[in-house]
Amino acid sequence: MELIQYDVVNAFVYINILYDVFMKMPDGYTKKGRILRLRKALYGLRESLLLWQKDFITTLKNLSCELVPYKPCCWIKDGIIIFFYVNDIVVTFKKGSC
């Protein structure tokens, strides 16, 4: 079996937030007292991990991958196994099959 490991850089910032989340401007910016509404998830936001996981699972379903029974982070399609933890993804497949 071959293994390929991916680390999705800035994974959370690609995910849309479906409700209103507000934050203060970070220290060091000139517009003090201004409040920002987030449109994308950020690291440190409690919901970011769940939003990322839901989006990634939707992508796997759209690619016709099937969930491995009782393993919520393990998917399979045509002998290719995909498993993930947060934004780390491992793809394994039989050597010479791809």
PDB file of N, CA and C in Angstrom:
ATOM      1  N   MET A   1       0.837  -1.181   0.000  1.00  0.00           N
ATOM      2  CA  MET A   1       0.000   0.000   0.000  1.00  0.00           C
ATOM      3  C   MET A   1       0.885   1.248   0.000  1.00  0.00           C
ATOM      4  N   GLU A   2       0.465   2.212  -0.752  1.00  0.00           N
ATOM      5  CA  GLU A   2       1.118   3.514  -0.786  1.00  0.00           C
ATOM      6  C   GLU A   2       0.337   4.472   0.112  1.00  0.00           C
ATOM      7  N   LEU A   3       1.022   5.399   0.726  1.00  0.00           N
ATOM      8  CA  LEU A   3       0.395   6.421   1.562  1.00  0.00           C
ATOM      9  C   LEU A   3       0.819   7.795   1.084  1.00  0.00           C
ATOM     10  N   ILE A   4      -0.136   8.690   1.025  1.00  0.00           N
ATOM     11  CA  ILE A   4       0.155  10.098   0.746  1.00  0.00           C
ATOM     12  C   ILE A   4      -0.509  10.912   1.850  1.00  0.00           C
ATOM     13  N   GLN A   5       0.247  11.806   2.457  1.00  0.00           N
ATOM     14  CA  GLN A   5      -0.273  12.613   3.553  1.00  0.00           C
ATOM     15  C   GLN A   5      -0.398  14.063   3.091  1.00  0.00           C
ATOM     16  N   TYR A   6      -1.522  14.676   3.424  1.00  0.00           N
ATOM     17  CA  TYR A   6      -1.769  16.078   3.087  1.00  0.00           C
ATOM     18  C   TYR A   6      -2.079  16.845   4.356  1.00  0.00           C
ATOM     19  N   ASP A   7      -1.606  18.062   4.416  1.00  0.00           N
ATOM     20  CA  ASP A   7      -1.971  18.984   5.485  1.00  0.00           C
ATOM     21  C   ASP A   7      -2.658  20.161   4.805  1.00  0.00           C
ATOM     22  N   VAL A   8      -3.941  20.331   5.036  1.00  0.00           N
ATOM     23  CA  VAL A   8      -4.694  21.404   4.383  1.00  0.00           C
ATOM     24  C   VAL A   8      -4.345  22.716   5.084  1.00  0.00           C
ATOM     25  N   VAL A   9      -3.588  23.551   4.391  1.00  0.00           N
ATOM     26  CA  VAL A   9      -3.133  24.818   4.948  1.00  0.00           C
ATOM     27  C   VAL A   9      -4.307  25.797   4.998  1.00  0.00           C
ATOM     28  N   ASN A  10      -4.472  26.441   6.125  1.00  0.00           N
ATOM     29  CA  ASN A  10      -5.557  27.412   6.323  1.00  0.00           C
ATOM     30  C   ASN A  10      -6.928  26.817   6.008  1.00  0.00           C
ATOM     31  N   ALA A  11      -7.135  25.582   6.405  1.00  0.00           N
ATOM     32  CA  ALA A  11      -8.373  24.869   6.074  1.00  0.00           C
ATOM     33  C   ALA A  11      -9.618  25.630   6.515  1.00  0.00           C
ATOM     34  N   PHE A  12      -9.602  26.185   7.698  1.00  0.00           N
ATOM     35  CA  PHE A  12     -10.811  26.791   8.245  1.00  0.00           C
ATOM     36  C   PHE A  12     -11.214  28.069   7.519  1.00  0.00           C
ATOM     37  N   VAL A  13     -10.265  28.805   6.969  1.00  0.00           N
ATOM     38  CA  VAL A  13     -10.592  30.088   6.348  1.00  0.00           C
ATOM     39  C   VAL A  13     -11.293  29.930   5.004  1.00  0.00           C
ATOM     40  N   TYR A  14     -11.440  28.721   4.514  1.00  0.00           N
ATOM     41  CA  TYR A  14     -12.188  28.476   3.283  1.00  0.00           C
ATOM     42  C   TYR A  14     -13.650  28.173   3.547  1.00  0.00           C
ATOM     43  N   ILE A  15     -14.018  28.023   4.808  1.00  0.00           N
ATOM     44  CA  ILE A  15     -15.352  27.582   5.178  1.00  0.00           C
ATOM     45  C   ILE A  15     -16.234  28.779   5.520  1.00  0.00           C
ATOM     46  N   ASN A  16     -17.377  28.869   4.867  1.00  0.00           N
ATOM     47  CA  ASN A  16     -18.334  29.942   5.154  1.00  0.00           C
ATOM     48  C   ASN A  16     -19.008  29.707   6.499  1.00  0.00           C
ATOM     49  N   ILE A  17     -19.230  30.788   7.237  1.00  0.00           N
ATOM     50  CA  ILE A  17     -19.986  30.730   8.485  1.00  0.00           C
ATOM     51  C   ILE A  17     -21.436  31.030   8.142  1.00  0.00           C
ATOM     52  N   LEU A  18     -22.342  30.192   8.612  1.00  0.00           N
ATOM     53  CA  LEU A  18     -23.744  30.292   8.227  1.00  0.00           C
ATOM     54  C   LEU A  18     -24.575  31.167   9.165  1.00  0.00           C
ATOM     55  N   TYR A  19     -23.948  31.785  10.138  1.00  0.00           N
ATOM     56  CA  TYR A  19     -24.650  32.632  11.100  1.00  0.00           C
ATOM     57  C   TYR A  19     -23.724  33.794  11.460  1.00  0.00           C
ATOM     58  N   ASP A  20     -24.236  34.759  12.187  1.00  0.00           N
ATOM     59  CA  ASP A  20     -23.452  35.954  12.512  1.00  0.00           C
ATOM     60  C   ASP A  20     -22.475  35.697  13.659  1.00  0.00           C
ATOM     61  N   VAL A  21     -21.204  36.011  13.418  1.00  0.00           N
ATOM     62  CA  VAL A  21     -20.158  35.966  14.442  1.00  0.00           C
ATOM     63  C   VAL A  21     -19.404  37.290  14.333  1.00  0.00           C
ATOM     64  N   PHE A  22     -19.242  37.959  15.467  1.00  0.00           N
ATOM     65  CA  PHE A  22     -18.587  39.262  15.488  1.00  0.00           C
ATOM     66  C   PHE A  22     -17.332  39.193  16.344  1.00  0.00           C
ATOM     67  N   MET A  23     -16.349  40.042  16.011  1.00  0.00           N
ATOM     68  CA  MET A  23     -15.117  40.127  16.796  1.00  0.00           C
ATOM     69  C   MET A  23     -14.600  41.562  16.800  1.00  0.00           C
ATOM     70  N   LYS A  24     -13.817  41.890  17.821  1.00  0.00           N
ATOM     71  CA  LYS A  24     -13.170  43.201  17.881  1.00  0.00           C
ATOM     72  C   LYS A  24     -11.946  43.188  16.978  1.00  0.00           C
ATOM     73  N   MET A  25     -11.527  44.376  16.538  1.00  0.00           N
ATOM     74  CA  MET A  25     -10.306  44.492  15.740  1.00  0.00           C
ATOM     75  C   MET A  25      -9.121  44.049  16.588  1.00  0.00           C
ATOM     76  N   PRO A  26      -8.173  43.308  16.013  1.00  0.00           N
ATOM     77  CA  PRO A  26      -6.983  42.891  16.764  1.00  0.00           C
ATOM     78  C   PRO A  26      -6.147  44.096  17.185  1.00  0.00           C
ATOM     79  N   ASP A  27      -5.406  43.945  18.283  1.00  0.00           N
ATOM     80  CA  ASP A  27      -4.512  45.021  18.745  1.00  0.00           C
ATOM     81  C   ASP A  27      -3.523  45.388  17.644  1.00  0.00           C
ATOM     82  N   GLY A  28      -3.206  46.666  17.547  1.00  0.00           N
ATOM     83  CA  GLY A  28      -2.246  47.119  16.557  1.00  0.00           C
ATOM     84  C   GLY A  28      -2.879  47.720  15.310  1.00  0.00           C
ATOM     85  N   TYR A  29      -4.195  47.595  15.151  1.00  0.00           N
ATOM     86  CA  TYR A  29      -4.870  48.194  14.011  1.00  0.00           C
ATOM     87  C   TYR A  29      -5.397  49.562  14.403  1.00  0.00           C
ATOM     88  N   THR A  30      -5.450  50.487  13.450  1.00  0.00           N
ATOM     89  CA  THR A  30      -5.729  51.884  13.749  1.00  0.00           C
ATOM     90  C   THR A  30      -7.201  52.189  14.024  1.00  0.00           C
ATOM     91  N   LYS A  31      -8.121  51.358  13.602  1.00  0.00           N
ATOM     92  CA  LYS A  31      -9.545  51.639  13.776  1.00  0.00           C
ATOM     93  C   LYS A  31     -10.066  50.978  15.049  1.00  0.00           C
ATOM     94  N   LYS A  32      -9.672  51.534  16.181  1.00  0.00           N
ATOM     95  CA  LYS A  32     -10.087  50.978  17.469  1.00  0.00           C
ATOM     96  C   LYS A  32     -11.579  51.154  17.655  1.00  0.00           C
ATOM     97  N   GLY A  33     -12.184  50.212  18.360  1.00  0.00           N
ATOM     98  CA  GLY A  33     -13.605  50.282  18.635  1.00  0.00           C
ATOM     99  C   GLY A  33     -14.482  49.738  17.519  1.00  0.00           C
ATOM    100  N   ARG A  34     -13.891  49.357  16.410  1.00  0.00           N
ATOM    101  CA  ARG A  34     -14.665  48.815  15.288  1.00  0.00           C
ATOM    102  C   ARG A  34     -14.906  47.321  15.512  1.00  0.00           C
ATOM    103  N   ILE A  35     -16.087  46.884  15.171  1.00  0.00           N
ATOM    104  CA  ILE A  35     -16.473  45.480  15.298  1.00  0.00           C
ATOM    105  C   ILE A  35     -16.542  44.873  13.887  1.00  0.00           C
ATOM    106  N   LEU A  36     -16.032  43.649  13.740  1.00  0.00           N
ATOM    107  CA  LEU A  36     -16.017  42.970  12.448  1.00  0.00           C
ATOM    108  C   LEU A  36     -16.979  41.786  12.465  1.00  0.00           C
ATOM    109  N   ARG A  37     -17.647  41.569  11.347  1.00  0.00           N
ATOM    110  CA  ARG A  37     -18.477  40.366  11.191  1.00  0.00           C
ATOM    111  C   ARG A  37     -17.680  39.380  10.347  1.00  0.00           C
ATOM    112  N   LEU A  38     -17.497  38.183  10.874  1.00  0.00           N
ATOM    113  CA  LEU A  38     -16.736  37.168  10.163  1.00  0.00           C
ATOM    114  C   LEU A  38     -17.600  36.507   9.101  1.00  0.00           C
ATOM    115  N   ARG A  39     -17.027  36.291   7.944  1.00  0.00           N
ATOM    116  CA  ARG A  39     -17.713  35.571   6.868  1.00  0.00           C
ATOM    117  C   ARG A  39     -17.137  34.168   6.699  1.00  0.00           C
ATOM    118  N   LYS A  40     -15.926  33.983   7.163  1.00  0.00           N
ATOM    119  CA  LYS A  40     -15.241  32.692   7.072  1.00  0.00           C
ATOM    120  C   LYS A  40     -14.807  32.274   8.471  1.00  0.00           C
ATOM    121  N   ALA A  41     -14.646  30.968   8.659  1.00  0.00           N
ATOM    122  CA  ALA A  41     -14.209  30.444   9.948  1.00  0.00           C
ATOM    123  C   ALA A  41     -12.739  30.802  10.181  1.00  0.00           C
ATOM    124  N   LEU A  42     -12.344  30.847  11.425  1.00  0.00           N
ATOM    125  CA  LEU A  42     -10.966  31.127  11.807  1.00  0.00           C
ATOM    126  C   LEU A  42     -10.488  30.071  12.796  1.00  0.00           C
ATOM    127  N   TYR A  43      -9.166  29.851  12.848  1.00  0.00           N
ATOM    128  CA  TYR A  43      -8.613  29.002  13.893  1.00  0.00           C
ATOM    129  C   TYR A  43      -8.925  29.660  15.231  1.00  0.00           C
ATOM    130  N   GLY A  44      -9.310  28.860  16.192  1.00  0.00           N
ATOM    131  CA  GLY A  44      -9.652  29.375  17.507  1.00  0.00           C
ATOM    132  C   GLY A  44     -11.144  29.563  17.709  1.00  0.00           C
ATOM    133  N   LEU A  45     -11.901  29.614  16.631  1.00  0.00           N
ATOM    134  CA  LEU A  45     -13.351  29.703  16.726  1.00  0.00           C
ATOM    135  C   LEU A  45     -13.880  28.300  17.007  1.00  0.00           C
ATOM    136  N   ARG A  46     -14.693  28.158  18.045  1.00  0.00           N
ATOM    137  CA  ARG A  46     -15.132  26.831  18.480  1.00  0.00           C
ATOM    138  C   ARG A  46     -15.784  26.016  17.368  1.00  0.00           C
ATOM    139  N   GLU A  47     -16.536  26.646  16.507  1.00  0.00           N
ATOM    140  CA  GLU A  47     -17.289  25.940  15.482  1.00  0.00           C
ATOM    141  C   GLU A  47     -16.472  25.605  14.236  1.00  0.00           C
ATOM    142  N   SER A  48     -15.272  26.140  14.121  1.00  0.00           N
ATOM    143  CA  SER A  48     -14.475  25.974  12.899  1.00  0.00           C
ATOM    144  C   SER A  48     -14.220  24.519  12.550  1.00  0.00           C
ATOM    145  N   LEU A  49     -13.849  23.724  13.528  1.00  0.00           N
ATOM    146  CA  LEU A  49     -13.557  22.320  13.272  1.00  0.00           C
ATOM    147  C   LEU A  49     -14.777  21.587  12.720  1.00  0.00           C
ATOM    148  N   LEU A  50     -15.930  21.790  13.341  1.00  0.00           N
ATOM    149  CA  LEU A  50     -17.151  21.125  12.888  1.00  0.00           C
ATOM    150  C   LEU A  50     -17.554  21.601  11.489  1.00  0.00           C
ATOM    151  N   LEU A  51     -17.437  22.895  11.224  1.00  0.00           N
ATOM    152  CA  LEU A  51     -17.772  23.422   9.895  1.00  0.00           C
ATOM    153  C   LEU A  51     -16.851  22.833   8.825  1.00  0.00           C
ATOM    154  N   TRP A  52     -15.556  22.741   9.126  1.00  0.00           N
ATOM    155  CA  TRP A  52     -14.594  22.157   8.187  1.00  0.00           C
ATOM    156  C   TRP A  52     -14.922  20.688   7.932  1.00  0.00           C
ATOM    157  N   GLN A  53     -15.201  19.939   9.011  1.00  0.00           N
ATOM    158  CA  GLN A  53     -15.498  18.520   8.859  1.00  0.00           C
ATOM    159  C   GLN A  53     -16.759  18.303   8.024  1.00  0.00           C
ATOM    160  N   LYS A  54     -17.799  19.078   8.264  1.00  0.00           N
ATOM    161  CA  LYS A  54     -19.033  18.949   7.484  1.00  0.00           C
ATOM    162  C   LYS A  54     -18.782  19.244   6.010  1.00  0.00           C
ATOM    163  N   ASP A  55     -17.992  20.273   5.731  1.00  0.00           N
ATOM    164  CA  ASP A  55     -17.697  20.637   4.350  1.00  0.00           C
ATOM    165  C   ASP A  55     -16.866  19.552   3.664  1.00  0.00           C
ATOM    166  N   PHE A  56     -15.881  19.011   4.353  1.00  0.00           N
ATOM    167  CA  PHE A  56     -15.029  17.968   3.773  1.00  0.00           C
ATOM    168  C   PHE A  56     -15.830  16.695   3.521  1.00  0.00           C
ATOM    169  N   ILE A  57     -16.696  16.334   4.458  1.00  0.00           N
ATOM    170  CA  ILE A  57     -17.539  15.143   4.282  1.00  0.00           C
ATOM    171  C   ILE A  57     -18.494  15.324   3.105  1.00  0.00           C
ATOM    172  N   THR A  58     -19.032  16.524   2.936  1.00  0.00           N
ATOM    173  CA  THR A  58     -19.890  16.805   1.786  1.00  0.00           C
ATOM    174  C   THR A  58     -19.117  16.606   0.485  1.00  0.00           C
ATOM    175  N   THR A  59     -17.872  17.043   0.452  1.00  0.00           N
ATOM    176  CA  THR A  59     -17.029  16.852  -0.727  1.00  0.00           C
ATOM    177  C   THR A  59     -16.797  15.374  -0.997  1.00  0.00           C
ATOM    178  N   LEU A  60     -16.507  14.603   0.049  1.00  0.00           N
ATOM    179  CA  LEU A  60     -16.299  13.163  -0.130  1.00  0.00           C
ATOM    180  C   LEU A  60     -17.562  12.491  -0.657  1.00  0.00           C
ATOM    181  N   LYS A  61     -18.717  12.877  -0.149  1.00  0.00           N
ATOM    182  CA  LYS A  61     -19.980  12.317  -0.638  1.00  0.00           C
ATOM    183  C   LYS A  61     -20.206  12.670  -2.101  1.00  0.00           C
ATOM    184  N   ASN A  62     -19.895  13.918  -2.471  1.00  0.00           N
ATOM    185  CA  ASN A  62     -20.049  14.350  -3.865  1.00  0.00           C
ATOM    186  C   ASN A  62     -19.123  13.578  -4.804  1.00  0.00           C
ATOM    187  N   LEU A  63     -18.014  13.077  -4.268  1.00  0.00           N
ATOM    188  CA  LEU A  63     -17.078  12.272  -5.048  1.00  0.00           C
ATOM    189  C   LEU A  63     -17.456  10.789  -5.018  1.00  0.00           C
ATOM    190  N   SER A  64     -18.626  10.475  -4.466  1.00  0.00           N
ATOM    191  CA  SER A  64     -19.153   9.102  -4.359  1.00  0.00           C
ATOM    192  C   SER A  64     -18.327   8.199  -3.458  1.00  0.00           C
ATOM    193  N   CYS A  65     -17.639   8.779  -2.490  1.00  0.00           N
ATOM    194  CA  CYS A  65     -16.932   7.977  -1.500  1.00  0.00           C
ATOM    195  C   CYS A  65     -17.946   7.438  -0.499  1.00  0.00           C
ATOM    196  N   GLU A  66     -17.629   6.289   0.083  1.00  0.00           N
ATOM    197  CA  GLU A  66     -18.523   5.661   1.047  1.00  0.00           C
ATOM    198  C   GLU A  66     -17.867   5.638   2.419  1.00  0.00           C
ATOM    199  N   LEU A  67     -18.669   5.890   3.430  1.00  0.00           N
ATOM    200  CA  LEU A  67     -18.195   5.870   4.804  1.00  0.00           C
ATOM    201  C   LEU A  67     -17.905   4.434   5.231  1.00  0.00           C
ATOM    202  N   VAL A  68     -16.763   4.222   5.862  1.00  0.00           N
ATOM    203  CA  VAL A  68     -16.450   2.913   6.438  1.00  0.00           C
ATOM    204  C   VAL A  68     -17.290   2.783   7.709  1.00  0.00           C
ATOM    205  N   PRO A  69     -18.071   1.693   7.844  1.00  0.00           N
ATOM    206  CA  PRO A  69     -18.959   1.552   9.003  1.00  0.00           C
ATOM    207  C   PRO A  69     -18.227   1.735  10.334  1.00  0.00           C
ATOM    208  N   TYR A  70     -18.817   2.534  11.202  1.00  0.00           N
ATOM    209  CA  TYR A  70     -18.332   2.794  12.565  1.00  0.00           C
ATOM    210  C   TYR A  70     -17.017   3.569  12.620  1.00  0.00           C
ATOM    211  N   LYS A  71     -16.583   4.124  11.507  1.00  0.00           N
ATOM    212  CA  LYS A  71     -15.355   4.929  11.461  1.00  0.00           C
ATOM    213  C   LYS A  71     -15.679   6.259  10.784  1.00  0.00           C
ATOM    214  N   PRO A  72     -16.108   7.272  11.542  1.00  0.00           N
ATOM    215  CA  PRO A  72     -16.611   8.512  10.937  1.00  0.00           C
ATOM    216  C   PRO A  72     -15.579   9.320  10.152  1.00  0.00           C
ATOM    217  N   CYS A  73     -14.312   9.033  10.322  1.00  0.00           N
ATOM    218  CA  CYS A  73     -13.287   9.786   9.593  1.00  0.00           C
ATOM    219  C   CYS A  73     -12.551   8.925   8.576  1.00  0.00           C
ATOM    220  N   CYS A  74     -13.177   7.838   8.157  1.00  0.00           N
ATOM    221  CA  CYS A  74     -12.553   6.930   7.191  1.00  0.00           C
ATOM    222  C   CYS A  74     -13.532   6.674   6.048  1.00  0.00           C
ATOM    223  N   TRP A  75     -13.106   6.944   4.831  1.00  0.00           N
ATOM    224  CA  TRP A  75     -13.939   6.829   3.632  1.00  0.00           C
ATOM    225  C   TRP A  75     -13.209   5.991   2.606  1.00  0.00           C
ATOM    226  N   ILE A  76     -13.959   5.370   1.704  1.00  0.00           N
ATOM    227  CA  ILE A  76     -13.353   4.490   0.707  1.00  0.00           C
ATOM    228  C   ILE A  76     -14.051   4.664  -0.643  1.00  0.00           C
ATOM    229  N   LYS A  77     -13.262   4.543  -1.704  1.00  0.00           N
ATOM    230  CA  LYS A  77     -13.809   4.549  -3.061  1.00  0.00           C
ATOM    231  C   LYS A  77     -12.830   3.817  -3.972  1.00  0.00           C
ATOM    232  N   ASP A  78     -13.311   2.777  -4.668  1.00  0.00           N
ATOM    233  CA  ASP A  78     -12.518   2.039  -5.654  1.00  0.00           C
ATOM    234  C   ASP A  78     -11.156   1.595  -5.112  1.00  0.00           C
ATOM    235  N   GLY A  79     -11.117   1.100  -3.886  1.00  0.00           N
ATOM    236  CA  GLY A  79      -9.867   0.625  -3.297  1.00  0.00           C
ATOM    237  C   GLY A  79      -8.972   1.713  -2.739  1.00  0.00           C
ATOM    238  N   ILE A  80      -9.395   2.953  -2.821  1.00  0.00           N
ATOM    239  CA  ILE A  80      -8.650   4.075  -2.243  1.00  0.00           C
ATOM    240  C   ILE A  80      -9.284   4.399  -0.908  1.00  0.00           C
ATOM    241  N   ILE A  81      -8.476   4.436   0.136  1.00  0.00           N
ATOM    242  CA  ILE A  81      -8.967   4.733   1.484  1.00  0.00           C
ATOM    243  C   ILE A  81      -8.494   6.128   1.866  1.00  0.00           C
ATOM    244  N   ILE A  82      -9.421   6.928   2.346  1.00  0.00           N
ATOM    245  CA  ILE A  82      -9.130   8.299   2.777  1.00  0.00           C
ATOM    246  C   ILE A  82      -9.504   8.403   4.239  1.00  0.00           C
ATOM    247  N   PHE A  83      -8.571   8.816   5.068  1.00  0.00           N
ATOM    248  CA  PHE A  83      -8.921   9.086   6.455  1.00  0.00           C
ATOM    249  C   PHE A  83      -8.313  10.418   6.863  1.00  0.00           C
ATOM    250  N   PHE A  84      -8.964  11.069   7.811  1.00  0.00           N
ATOM    251  CA  PHE A  84      -8.545  12.412   8.177  1.00  0.00           C
ATOM    252  C   PHE A  84      -8.731  12.655   9.667  1.00  0.00           C
ATOM    253  N   TYR A  85      -7.947  13.598  10.156  1.00  0.00           N
ATOM    254  CA  TYR A  85      -8.069  14.097  11.520  1.00  0.00           C
ATOM    255  C   TYR A  85      -7.860  15.599  11.431  1.00  0.00           C
ATOM    256  N   VAL A  86      -8.883  16.338  11.748  1.00  0.00           N
ATOM    257  CA  VAL A  86      -8.914  17.795  11.603  1.00  0.00           C
ATOM    258  C   VAL A  86      -8.557  18.137  10.160  1.00  0.00           C
ATOM    259  N   ASN A  87      -7.407  18.781   9.915  1.00  0.00           N
ATOM    260  CA  ASN A  87      -7.042  19.154   8.552  1.00  0.00           C
ATOM    261  C   ASN A  87      -5.892  18.313   7.999  1.00  0.00           C
ATOM    262  N   ASP A  88      -5.607  17.198   8.650  1.00  0.00           N
ATOM    263  CA  ASP A  88      -4.606  16.257   8.154  1.00  0.00           C
ATOM    264  C   ASP A  88      -5.332  15.109   7.455  1.00  0.00           C
ATOM    265  N   ILE A  89      -4.937  14.829   6.230  1.00  0.00           N
ATOM    266  CA  ILE A  89      -5.598  13.819   5.410  1.00  0.00           C
ATOM    267  C   ILE A  89      -4.565  12.805   4.939  1.00  0.00           C
ATOM    268  N   VAL A  90      -4.906  11.537   5.033  1.00  0.00           N
ATOM    269  CA  VAL A  90      -4.049  10.478   4.516  1.00  0.00           C
ATOM    270  C   VAL A  90      -4.845   9.691   3.478  1.00  0.00           C
ATOM    271  N   VAL A  91      -4.221   9.484   2.323  1.00  0.00           N
ATOM    272  CA  VAL A  91      -4.824   8.695   1.251  1.00  0.00           C
ATOM    273  C   VAL A  91      -3.938   7.464   1.072  1.00  0.00           C
ATOM    274  N   THR A  92      -4.553   6.292   1.088  1.00  0.00           N
ATOM    275  CA  THR A  92      -3.805   5.057   0.892  1.00  0.00           C
ATOM    276  C   THR A  92      -4.427   4.259  -0.249  1.00  0.00           C
ATOM    277  N   PHE A  93      -3.565   3.615  -1.030  1.00  0.00           N
ATOM    278  CA  PHE A  93      -4.030   2.874  -2.204  1.00  0.00           C
ATOM    279  C   PHE A  93      -3.000   1.797  -2.535  1.00  0.00           C
ATOM    280  N   LYS A  94      -3.421   0.817  -3.292  1.00  0.00           N
ATOM    281  CA  LYS A  94      -2.531  -0.265  -3.695  1.00  0.00           C
ATOM    282  C   LYS A  94      -1.534   0.268  -4.708  1.00  0.00           C
ATOM    283  N   LYS A  95      -0.276  -0.049  -4.522  1.00  0.00           N
ATOM    284  CA  LYS A  95       0.785   0.439  -5.391  1.00  0.00           C
ATOM    285  C   LYS A  95       0.503   0.027  -6.838  1.00  0.00           C
ATOM    286  N   GLY A  96       0.572   0.987  -7.740  1.00  0.00           N
ATOM    287  CA  GLY A  96       0.365   0.731  -9.152  1.00  0.00           C
ATOM    288  C   GLY A  96      -1.089   0.825  -9.598  1.00  0.00           C
ATOM    289  N   SER A  97      -2.005   1.092  -8.679  1.00  0.00           N
ATOM    290  CA  SER A  97      -3.421   1.147  -9.077  1.00  0.00           C
ATOM    291  C   SER A  97      -3.854   2.546  -9.519  1.00  0.00           C
ATOM    292  N   CYS A  98      -3.050   3.547  -9.271  1.00  0.00           N
ATOM    293  CA  CYS A  98      -3.436   4.911  -9.674  1.00  0.00           C
ATOM    294  C   CYS A  98      -2.514   5.426 -10.759  1.00  0.00           C
TER     295      CYS A  98
END
